Every structure is written in C-alpha cells, then in structure tokens.
Amino acid sequence: MADGLKRWTDKGTNPCAAESVASLKCLEENNYDKARCANYFLAYKECKRAWNKRKAERRRRGLPPGDPA
C-alpha cells in the first residue's frame, strides 16, 4: 500500500479511517459513480468535522490534540 493511502486508512493517523475505507469500497463496488456513494462521503465529512472540532477544543484547553478517548 502506498504511504499516502496508508495515512488515510490508518486508525492512528486518521480517526475517521472506517468512514474513509467504506467510501473507497463503495466507489470500487459502484464503478466510481460518486452519486451512489454520497451517503458514505457525507458520513466521512461529518466525522472529520466532529474530529476537527474536538481537536480545536482540546487545543483551546491546552491539551494535546490527540484524544485518548
């Protein structure tokens, strides 16, 4: 696996790895028809938004951005 792709599918570097893998799998199964995978993209987008919000809040409180929970 290429290093760039590993970064997106590794749970240690991407807390939304499950959503990322699901969206890529959907694309493969649907011959890369993005319209059929819109729900997967939305789930990934919402996960990233929530994670970035948590990181920002932790930074404001002076905590490291990595979340142990």
PDB file of N, CA and C in Angstrom:
ATOM      1  N   MET A   1       0.847  -1.175   0.000  1.00  0.00           N
ATOM      2  CA  MET A   1       0.000   0.000   0.000  1.00  0.00           C
ATOM      3  C   MET A   1       0.894   1.240   0.000  1.00  0.00           C
ATOM      4  N   ALA A   2       0.571   2.205  -0.820  1.00  0.00           N
ATOM      5  CA  ALA A   2       1.347   3.437  -0.894  1.00  0.00           C
ATOM      6  C   ALA A   2       1.247   4.190   0.434  1.00  0.00           C
ATOM      7  N   ASP A   3       2.313   4.909   0.778  1.00  0.00           N
ATOM      8  CA  ASP A   3       2.340   5.624   2.050  1.00  0.00           C
ATOM      9  C   ASP A   3       1.208   6.628   2.177  1.00  0.00           C
ATOM     10  N   GLY A   4       0.869   7.332   1.095  1.00  0.00           N
ATOM     11  CA  GLY A   4      -0.210   8.310   1.140  1.00  0.00           C
ATOM     12  C   GLY A   4      -1.546   7.675   1.464  1.00  0.00           C
ATOM     13  N   LEU A   5      -1.835   6.524   0.854  1.00  0.00           N
ATOM     14  CA  LEU A   5      -3.094   5.837   1.120  1.00  0.00           C
ATOM     15  C   LEU A   5      -3.102   5.256   2.529  1.00  0.00           C
ATOM     16  N   LYS A   6      -1.967   4.738   2.995  1.00  0.00           N
ATOM     17  CA  LYS A   6      -1.882   4.180   4.342  1.00  0.00           C
ATOM     18  C   LYS A   6      -2.218   5.242   5.387  1.00  0.00           C
ATOM     19  N   ARG A   7      -1.776   6.471   5.133  1.00  0.00           N
ATOM     20  CA  ARG A   7      -2.036   7.560   6.072  1.00  0.00           C
ATOM     21  C   ARG A   7      -3.540   7.777   6.242  1.00  0.00           C
ATOM     22  N   TRP A   8      -4.328   7.612   5.187  1.00  0.00           N
ATOM     23  CA  TRP A   8      -5.763   7.834   5.269  1.00  0.00           C
ATOM     24  C   TRP A   8      -6.511   6.638   5.833  1.00  0.00           C
ATOM     25  N   THR A   9      -5.930   5.448   5.753  1.00  0.00           N
ATOM     26  CA  THR A   9      -6.630   4.257   6.229  1.00  0.00           C
ATOM     27  C   THR A   9      -6.100   3.762   7.571  1.00  0.00           C
ATOM     28  N   ASP A  10      -5.078   4.412   8.121  1.00  0.00           N
ATOM     29  CA  ASP A  10      -4.503   4.024   9.402  1.00  0.00           C
ATOM     30  C   ASP A  10      -5.259   4.705  10.537  1.00  0.00           C
ATOM     31  N   LYS A  11      -5.812   3.922  11.446  1.00  0.00           N
ATOM     32  CA  LYS A  11      -6.607   4.465  12.552  1.00  0.00           C
ATOM     33  C   LYS A  11      -5.770   5.377  13.460  1.00  0.00           C
ATOM     34  N   GLY A  12      -4.443   5.167  13.487  1.00  0.00           N
ATOM     35  CA  GLY A  12      -3.585   6.001  14.312  1.00  0.00           C
ATOM     36  C   GLY A  12      -3.435   7.419  13.783  1.00  0.00           C
ATOM     37  N   THR A  13      -3.493   7.605  12.483  1.00  0.00           N
ATOM     38  CA  THR A  13      -3.330   8.935  11.908  1.00  0.00           C
ATOM     39  C   THR A  13      -4.648   9.520  11.418  1.00  0.00           C
ATOM     40  N   ASN A  14      -5.653   8.700  11.228  1.00  0.00           N
ATOM     41  CA  ASN A  14      -6.950   9.171  10.752  1.00  0.00           C
ATOM     42  C   ASN A  14      -8.045   8.554  11.615  1.00  0.00           C
ATOM     43  N   PRO A  15      -8.621   9.323  12.528  1.00  0.00           N
ATOM     44  CA  PRO A  15      -9.670   8.780  13.392  1.00  0.00           C
ATOM     45  C   PRO A  15     -10.940   8.410  12.624  1.00  0.00           C
ATOM     46  N   CYS A  16     -11.041   8.830  11.396  1.00  0.00           N
ATOM     47  CA  CYS A  16     -12.207   8.524  10.568  1.00  0.00           C
ATOM     48  C   CYS A  16     -11.845   7.476   9.516  1.00  0.00           C
ATOM     49  N   ALA A  17     -10.908   6.614   9.831  1.00  0.00           N
ATOM     50  CA  ALA A  17     -10.426   5.618   8.873  1.00  0.00           C
ATOM     51  C   ALA A  17     -11.551   4.683   8.420  1.00  0.00           C
ATOM     52  N   ALA A  18     -12.435   4.304   9.320  1.00  0.00           N
ATOM     53  CA  ALA A  18     -13.521   3.387   8.946  1.00  0.00           C
ATOM     54  C   ALA A  18     -14.410   4.021   7.878  1.00  0.00           C
ATOM     55  N   GLU A  19     -14.723   5.300   8.049  1.00  0.00           N
ATOM     56  CA  GLU A  19     -15.556   6.001   7.074  1.00  0.00           C
ATOM     57  C   GLU A  19     -14.812   6.162   5.750  1.00  0.00           C
ATOM     58  N   SER A  20     -13.514   6.395   5.839  1.00  0.00           N
ATOM     59  CA  SER A  20     -12.693   6.537   4.640  1.00  0.00           C
ATOM     60  C   SER A  20     -12.666   5.240   3.837  1.00  0.00           C
ATOM     61  N   VAL A  21     -12.424   4.137   4.520  1.00  0.00           N
ATOM     62  CA  VAL A  21     -12.375   2.832   3.858  1.00  0.00           C
ATOM     63  C   VAL A  21     -13.734   2.491   3.257  1.00  0.00           C
ATOM     64  N   ALA A  22     -14.809   2.787   3.982  1.00  0.00           N
ATOM     65  CA  ALA A  22     -16.153   2.488   3.479  1.00  0.00           C
ATOM     66  C   ALA A  22     -16.456   3.284   2.208  1.00  0.00           C
ATOM     67  N   SER A  23     -16.044   4.544   2.168  1.00  0.00           N
ATOM     68  CA  SER A  23     -16.312   5.344   0.975  1.00  0.00           C
ATOM     69  C   SER A  23     -15.495   4.842  -0.214  1.00  0.00           C
ATOM     70  N   LEU A  24     -14.245   4.454   0.022  1.00  0.00           N
ATOM     71  CA  LEU A  24     -13.427   3.905  -1.066  1.00  0.00           C
ATOM     72  C   LEU A  24     -13.992   2.579  -1.562  1.00  0.00           C
ATOM     73  N   LYS A  25     -14.457   1.761  -0.641  1.00  0.00           N
ATOM     74  CA  LYS A  25     -15.051   0.473  -1.027  1.00  0.00           C
ATOM     75  C   LYS A  25     -16.317   0.696  -1.851  1.00  0.00           C
ATOM     76  N   CYS A  26     -17.124   1.666  -1.443  1.00  0.00           N
ATOM     77  CA  CYS A  26     -18.345   1.975  -2.184  1.00  0.00           C
ATOM     78  C   CYS A  26     -18.010   2.404  -3.608  1.00  0.00           C
ATOM     79  N   LEU A  27     -17.002   3.242  -3.753  1.00  0.00           N
ATOM     80  CA  LEU A  27     -16.600   3.678  -5.092  1.00  0.00           C
ATOM     81  C   LEU A  27     -16.195   2.492  -5.960  1.00  0.00           C
ATOM     82  N   GLU A  28     -15.417   1.592  -5.391  1.00  0.00           N
ATOM     83  CA  GLU A  28     -14.986   0.416  -6.150  1.00  0.00           C
ATOM     84  C   GLU A  28     -16.172  -0.445  -6.562  1.00  0.00           C
ATOM     85  N   GLU A  29     -17.102  -0.652  -5.647  1.00  0.00           N
ATOM     86  CA  GLU A  29     -18.245  -1.519  -5.921  1.00  0.00           C
ATOM     87  C   GLU A  29     -19.229  -0.893  -6.914  1.00  0.00           C
ATOM     88  N   ASN A  30     -19.226   0.437  -7.020  1.00  0.00           N
ATOM     89  CA  ASN A  30     -20.180   1.119  -7.892  1.00  0.00           C
ATOM     90  C   ASN A  30     -19.509   1.772  -9.099  1.00  0.00           C
ATOM     91  N   ASN A  31     -18.397   1.201  -9.517  1.00  0.00           N
ATOM     92  CA  ASN A  31     -17.694   1.656 -10.715  1.00  0.00           C
ATOM     93  C   ASN A  31     -17.394   3.156 -10.670  1.00  0.00           C
ATOM     94  N   TYR A  32     -17.006   3.635  -9.478  1.00  0.00           N
ATOM     95  CA  TYR A  32     -16.599   5.022  -9.254  1.00  0.00           C
ATOM     96  C   TYR A  32     -17.685   6.037  -9.599  1.00  0.00           C
ATOM     97  N   ASP A  33     -18.932   5.643  -9.368  1.00  0.00           N
ATOM     98  CA  ASP A  33     -20.065   6.555  -9.529  1.00  0.00           C
ATOM     99  C   ASP A  33     -20.262   7.280  -8.190  1.00  0.00           C
ATOM    100  N   LYS A  34     -19.788   8.512  -8.121  1.00  0.00           N
ATOM    101  CA  LYS A  34     -19.811   9.266  -6.865  1.00  0.00           C
ATOM    102  C   LYS A  34     -21.225   9.506  -6.346  1.00  0.00           C
ATOM    103  N   ALA A  35     -22.178   9.631  -7.225  1.00  0.00           N
ATOM    104  CA  ALA A  35     -23.557   9.892  -6.809  1.00  0.00           C
ATOM    105  C   ALA A  35     -24.105   8.746  -5.957  1.00  0.00           C
ATOM    106  N   ARG A  36     -23.709   7.524  -6.247  1.00  0.00           N
ATOM    107  CA  ARG A  36     -24.210   6.373  -5.494  1.00  0.00           C
ATOM    108  C   ARG A  36     -23.570   6.259  -4.113  1.00  0.00           C
ATOM    109  N   CYS A  37     -22.476   6.971  -3.890  1.00  0.00           N
ATOM    110  CA  CYS A  37     -21.748   6.872  -2.621  1.00  0.00           C
ATOM    111  C   CYS A  37     -21.860   8.145  -1.784  1.00  0.00           C
ATOM    112  N   ALA A  38     -22.803   8.998  -2.113  1.00  0.00           N
ATOM    113  CA  ALA A  38     -22.930  10.290  -1.431  1.00  0.00           C
ATOM    114  C   ALA A  38     -23.094  10.134   0.075  1.00  0.00           C
ATOM    115  N   ASN A  39     -23.832   9.131   0.520  1.00  0.00           N
ATOM    116  CA  ASN A  39     -24.029   8.932   1.964  1.00  0.00           C
ATOM    117  C   ASN A  39     -22.718   8.595   2.664  1.00  0.00           C
ATOM    118  N   TYR A  40     -21.865   7.827   2.013  1.00  0.00           N
ATOM    119  CA  TYR A  40     -20.567   7.484   2.590  1.00  0.00           C
ATOM    120  C   TYR A  40     -19.683   8.727   2.686  1.00  0.00           C
ATOM    121  N   PHE A  41     -19.716   9.562   1.648  1.00  0.00           N
ATOM    122  CA  PHE A  41     -18.930  10.795   1.674  1.00  0.00           C
ATOM    123  C   PHE A  41     -19.424  11.725   2.769  1.00  0.00           C
ATOM    124  N   LEU A  42     -20.724  11.790   2.931  1.00  0.00           N
ATOM    125  CA  LEU A  42     -21.303  12.641   3.968  1.00  0.00           C
ATOM    126  C   LEU A  42     -20.894  12.152   5.360  1.00  0.00           C
ATOM    127  N   ALA A  43     -20.923  10.843   5.576  1.00  0.00           N
ATOM    128  CA  ALA A  43     -20.513  10.285   6.874  1.00  0.00           C
ATOM    129  C   ALA A  43     -19.050  10.616   7.163  1.00  0.00           C
ATOM    130  N   TYR A  44     -18.196  10.508   6.149  1.00  0.00           N
ATOM    131  CA  TYR A  44     -16.780  10.822   6.326  1.00  0.00           C
ATOM    132  C   TYR A  44     -16.601  12.307   6.627  1.00  0.00           C
ATOM    133  N   LYS A  45     -17.312  13.150   5.901  1.00  0.00           N
ATOM    134  CA  LYS A  45     -17.218  14.591   6.100  1.00  0.00           C
ATOM    135  C   LYS A  45     -17.662  14.981   7.514  1.00  0.00           C
ATOM    136  N   GLU A  46     -18.749  14.393   7.985  1.00  0.00           N
ATOM    137  CA  GLU A  46     -19.243  14.679   9.335  1.00  0.00           C
ATOM    138  C   GLU A  46     -18.263  14.189  10.410  1.00  0.00           C
ATOM    139  N   CYS A  47     -17.671  13.034  10.179  1.00  0.00           N
ATOM    140  CA  CYS A  47     -16.684  12.508  11.124  1.00  0.00           C
ATOM    141  C   CYS A  47     -15.488  13.454  11.218  1.00  0.00           C
ATOM    142  N   LYS A  48     -14.966  13.887  10.067  1.00  0.00           N
ATOM    143  CA  LYS A  48     -13.819  14.795  10.058  1.00  0.00           C
ATOM    144  C   LYS A  48     -14.175  16.120  10.724  1.00  0.00           C
ATOM    145  N   ARG A  49     -15.377  16.615  10.468  1.00  0.00           N
ATOM    146  CA  ARG A  49     -15.809  17.875  11.077  1.00  0.00           C
ATOM    147  C   ARG A  49     -15.852  17.739  12.605  1.00  0.00           C
ATOM    148  N   ALA A  50     -16.428  16.648  13.089  1.00  0.00           N
ATOM    149  CA  ALA A  50     -16.519  16.428  14.534  1.00  0.00           C
ATOM    150  C   ALA A  50     -15.127  16.263  15.144  1.00  0.00           C
ATOM    151  N   TRP A  51     -14.253  15.527  14.460  1.00  0.00           N
ATOM    152  CA  TRP A  51     -12.903  15.307  14.987  1.00  0.00           C
ATOM    153  C   TRP A  51     -12.123  16.620  15.034  1.00  0.00           C
ATOM    154  N   ASN A  52     -12.212  17.427  13.996  1.00  0.00           N
ATOM    155  CA  ASN A  52     -11.510  18.710  13.984  1.00  0.00           C
ATOM    156  C   ASN A  52     -12.033  19.635  15.074  1.00  0.00           C
ATOM    157  N   LYS A  53     -13.329  19.566  15.326  1.00  0.00           N
ATOM    158  CA  LYS A  53     -13.921  20.373  16.399  1.00  0.00           C
ATOM    159  C   LYS A  53     -13.363  19.935  17.763  1.00  0.00           C
ATOM    160  N   ARG A  54     -13.237  18.611  17.968  1.00  0.00           N
ATOM    161  CA  ARG A  54     -12.672  18.095  19.224  1.00  0.00           C
ATOM    162  C   ARG A  54     -11.219  18.525  19.381  1.00  0.00           C
ATOM    163  N   LYS A  55     -10.455  18.442  18.290  1.00  0.00           N
ATOM    164  CA  LYS A  55      -9.043  18.835  18.353  1.00  0.00           C
ATOM    165  C   LYS A  55      -8.911  20.310  18.717  1.00  0.00           C
ATOM    166  N   ALA A  56      -9.733  21.162  18.102  1.00  0.00           N
ATOM    167  CA  ALA A  56      -9.681  22.592  18.378  1.00  0.00           C
ATOM    168  C   ALA A  56     -10.035  22.872  19.839  1.00  0.00           C
ATOM    169  N   GLU A  57     -11.055  22.198  20.348  1.00  0.00           N
ATOM    170  CA  GLU A  57     -11.458  22.393  21.743  1.00  0.00           C
ATOM    171  C   GLU A  57     -10.344  21.960  22.696  1.00  0.00           C
ATOM    172  N   ARG A  58      -9.691  20.839  22.401  1.00  0.00           N
ATOM    173  CA  ARG A  58      -8.586  20.373  23.244  1.00  0.00           C
ATOM    174  C   ARG A  58      -7.429  21.369  23.198  1.00  0.00           C
ATOM    175  N   ARG A  59      -7.160  21.927  22.028  1.00  0.00           N
ATOM    176  CA  ARG A  59      -6.092  22.914  21.898  1.00  0.00           C
ATOM    177  C   ARG A  59      -6.408  24.159  22.721  1.00  0.00           C
ATOM    178  N   ARG A  60      -7.663  24.600  22.706  1.00  0.00           N
ATOM    179  CA  ARG A  60      -8.073  25.768  23.490  1.00  0.00           C
ATOM    180  C   ARG A  60      -7.861  25.541  24.973  1.00  0.00           C
ATOM    181  N   ARG A  61      -8.052  24.308  25.415  1.00  0.00           N
ATOM    182  CA  ARG A  61      -7.877  23.974  26.831  1.00  0.00           C
ATOM    183  C   ARG A  61      -6.425  23.671  27.168  1.00  0.00           C
ATOM    184  N   GLY A  62      -5.538  23.724  26.200  1.00  0.00           N
ATOM    185  CA  GLY A  62      -4.117  23.471  26.445  1.00  0.00           C
ATOM    186  C   GLY A  62      -3.757  22.005  26.478  1.00  0.00           C
ATOM    187  N   LEU A  63      -4.615  21.145  25.975  1.00  0.00           N
ATOM    188  CA  LEU A  63      -4.345  19.704  25.937  1.00  0.00           C
ATOM    189  C   LEU A  63      -3.752  19.327  24.590  1.00  0.00           C
ATOM    190  N   PRO A  64      -3.025  18.217  24.515  1.00  0.00           N
ATOM    191  CA  PRO A  64      -2.513  17.794  23.208  1.00  0.00           C
ATOM    192  C   PRO A  64      -3.679  17.415  22.291  1.00  0.00           C
ATOM    193  N   PRO A  65      -3.506  17.584  20.975  1.00  0.00           N
ATOM    194  CA  PRO A  65      -4.621  17.341  20.061  1.00  0.00           C
ATOM    195  C   PRO A  65      -5.070  15.888  19.988  1.00  0.00           C
ATOM    196  N   GLY A  66      -4.174  14.930  20.241  1.00  0.00           N
ATOM    197  CA  GLY A  66      -4.558  13.513  20.212  1.00  0.00           C
ATOM    198  C   GLY A  66      -5.532  13.214  21.324  1.00  0.00           C
ATOM    199  N   ASP A  67      -6.595  12.529  21.013  1.00  0.00           N
ATOM    200  CA  ASP A  67      -7.646  12.261  22.005  1.00  0.00           C
ATOM    201  C   ASP A  67      -7.549  10.815  22.464  1.00  0.00           C
ATOM    202  N   PRO A  68      -7.267  10.587  23.742  1.00  0.00           N
ATOM    203  CA  PRO A  68      -7.156   9.199  24.217  1.00  0.00           C
ATOM    204  C   PRO A  68      -8.486   8.466  24.261  1.00  0.00           C
ATOM    205  N   ALA A  69      -9.597   9.190  24.258  1.00  0.00           N
ATOM    206  CA  ALA A  69     -10.910   8.560  24.360  1.00  0.00           C
ATOM    207  C   ALA A  69     -11.492   8.238  23.020  1.00  0.00           C
TER     208      ALA A  69
END
